[in-house]
Amino acid sequence: MREIVHLQAGQCGNQIGSKFWEVISDEHGIDPTGTYHGDSDLQLELSEYQQYQDATAEEEGVEGEGEEEEHA
């Protein structure tokens, strides 16, 4: 799963952070409750692909992108 770590500080940071999530949610067709309400087949295809990719990686024990195992 891909995750976003988001920090904001001060009034300006709060305003920018609020707009950031508004734009991201709109681009991905997600309402404020986290429910998908978009009408784009591409968004649905990408979501299904990502879920499949995550499940496959878990079954195979594959580390996430950017993570490397340490070898002794």
C-alpha atoms as a PDB file:
ATOM      1  CA  MET A   1       0.000   0.000   0.000  1.00  0.00           C
ATOM      2  CA  ARG A   2       1.230   3.463  -0.753  1.00  0.00           C
ATOM      3  CA  GLU A   3       0.890   6.038   1.956  1.00  0.00           C
ATOM      4  CA  ILE A   4       1.234   9.788   2.190  1.00  0.00           C
ATOM      5  CA  VAL A   5       2.669  11.370   5.314  1.00  0.00           C
ATOM      6  CA  HIS A   6       1.315  14.878   5.573  1.00  0.00           C
ATOM      7  CA  LEU A   7       2.391  17.534   8.086  1.00  0.00           C
ATOM      8  CA  GLN A   8       1.140  21.075   8.281  1.00  0.00           C
ATOM      9  CA  ALA A   9       1.860  23.934  10.659  1.00  0.00           C
ATOM     10  CA  GLY A  10       0.330  27.345  11.143  1.00  0.00           C
ATOM     11  CA  GLN A  11      -2.572  28.998   9.395  1.00  0.00           C
ATOM     12  CA  CYS A  12      -0.915  28.978   5.966  1.00  0.00           C
ATOM     13  CA  GLY A  13       0.042  25.310   6.331  1.00  0.00           C
ATOM     14  CA  ASN A  14      -3.511  24.427   7.340  1.00  0.00           C
ATOM     15  CA  GLN A  15      -4.950  26.250   4.328  1.00  0.00           C
ATOM     16  CA  ILE A  16      -2.500  24.610   1.924  1.00  0.00           C
ATOM     17  CA  GLY A  17      -3.053  21.196   3.531  1.00  0.00           C
ATOM     18  CA  SER A  18      -6.811  21.545   3.300  1.00  0.00           C
ATOM     19  CA  LYS A  19      -6.625  22.483  -0.388  1.00  0.00           C
ATOM     20  CA  PHE A  20      -4.163  19.629  -1.063  1.00  0.00           C
ATOM     21  CA  TRP A  21      -6.584  16.978   0.232  1.00  0.00           C
ATOM     22  CA  GLU A  22      -9.512  18.649  -1.530  1.00  0.00           C
ATOM     23  CA  VAL A  23      -7.687  18.478  -4.884  1.00  0.00           C
ATOM     24  CA  ILE A  24      -6.387  14.920  -4.347  1.00  0.00           C
ATOM     25  CA  SER A  25      -9.845  13.671  -3.339  1.00  0.00           C
ATOM     26  CA  ASP A  26     -11.451  15.389  -6.329  1.00  0.00           C
ATOM     27  CA  GLU A  27      -8.884  13.951  -8.752  1.00  0.00           C
ATOM     28  CA  HIS A  28      -9.528  10.449  -7.420  1.00  0.00           C
ATOM     29  CA  GLY A  29     -13.332  10.778  -7.219  1.00  0.00           C
ATOM     30  CA  ILE A  30     -13.466  10.398  -3.436  1.00  0.00           C
ATOM     31  CA  ASP A  31     -15.975  12.299  -1.291  1.00  0.00           C
ATOM     32  CA  PRO A  32     -15.212  13.656   2.216  1.00  0.00           C
ATOM     33  CA  THR A  33     -16.376  10.362   3.807  1.00  0.00           C
ATOM     34  CA  GLY A  34     -13.855   8.374   1.744  1.00  0.00           C
ATOM     35  CA  THR A  35     -16.431   6.849  -0.616  1.00  0.00           C
ATOM     36  CA  TYR A  36     -15.695   6.657  -4.344  1.00  0.00           C
ATOM     37  CA  HIS A  37     -18.213   8.637  -6.393  1.00  0.00           C
ATOM     38  CA  GLY A  38     -16.251   9.233  -9.572  1.00  0.00           C
ATOM     39  CA  ASP A  39     -17.400   8.333 -13.053  1.00  0.00           C
ATOM     40  CA  SER A  40     -14.055   7.484 -14.611  1.00  0.00           C
ATOM     41  CA  ASP A  41     -13.442   3.902 -15.718  1.00  0.00           C
ATOM     42  CA  LEU A  42      -9.713   4.648 -15.580  1.00  0.00           C
ATOM     43  CA  GLN A  43      -9.932   5.484 -11.860  1.00  0.00           C
ATOM     44  CA  LEU A  44     -11.698   2.184 -11.203  1.00  0.00           C
ATOM     45  CA  GLU A  45      -9.187   0.217 -13.290  1.00  0.00           C
ATOM     46  CA  LEU A  46      -6.235   1.800 -11.485  1.00  0.00           C
ATOM     47  CA  SER A  47      -7.830   1.098  -8.099  1.00  0.00           C
ATOM     48  CA  GLU A  48      -8.419  -2.570  -8.985  1.00  0.00           C
ATOM     49  CA  TYR A  49      -4.879  -2.887 -10.349  1.00  0.00           C
ATOM     50  CA  GLN A  50      -3.389  -1.373  -7.198  1.00  0.00           C
ATOM     51  CA  GLN A  51      -5.423  -3.704  -4.951  1.00  0.00           C
ATOM     52  CA  TYR A  52      -4.318  -6.720  -7.024  1.00  0.00           C
ATOM     53  CA  GLN A  53      -0.690  -5.566  -6.980  1.00  0.00           C
ATOM     54  CA  ASP A  54      -0.745  -5.091  -3.188  1.00  0.00           C
ATOM     55  CA  ALA A  55      -2.330  -8.508  -2.605  1.00  0.00           C
ATOM     56  CA  THR A  56       0.171 -10.230  -4.905  1.00  0.00           C
ATOM     57  CA  ALA A  57       3.117  -8.558  -3.183  1.00  0.00           C
ATOM     58  CA  GLU A  58       1.849  -9.680   0.238  1.00  0.00           C
ATOM     59  CA  GLU A  59       1.439 -13.293  -0.945  1.00  0.00           C
ATOM     60  CA  GLU A  60       4.948 -13.352  -2.392  1.00  0.00           C
ATOM     61  CA  GLY A  61       6.489 -11.609   0.615  1.00  0.00           C
ATOM     62  CA  VAL A  62       7.783  -8.797  -1.569  1.00  0.00           C
ATOM     63  CA  GLU A  63       9.025  -5.683   0.222  1.00  0.00           C
ATOM     64  CA  GLY A  64       7.459  -2.360  -0.752  1.00  0.00           C
ATOM     65  CA  GLU A  65       9.127  -0.002  -3.202  1.00  0.00           C
ATOM     66  CA  GLY A  66      12.173   1.720  -1.803  1.00  0.00           C
ATOM     67  CA  GLU A  67      12.569  -0.787   1.014  1.00  0.00           C
ATOM     68  CA  GLU A  68      15.653  -2.942   1.012  1.00  0.00           C
ATOM     69  CA  GLU A  69      16.456  -5.948   3.153  1.00  0.00           C
ATOM     70  CA  GLU A  70      19.621  -5.872   5.205  1.00  0.00           C
ATOM     71  CA  HIS A  71      21.947  -8.801   4.649  1.00  0.00           C
ATOM     72  CA  ALA A  72      24.265  -9.874   7.471  1.00  0.00           C
END
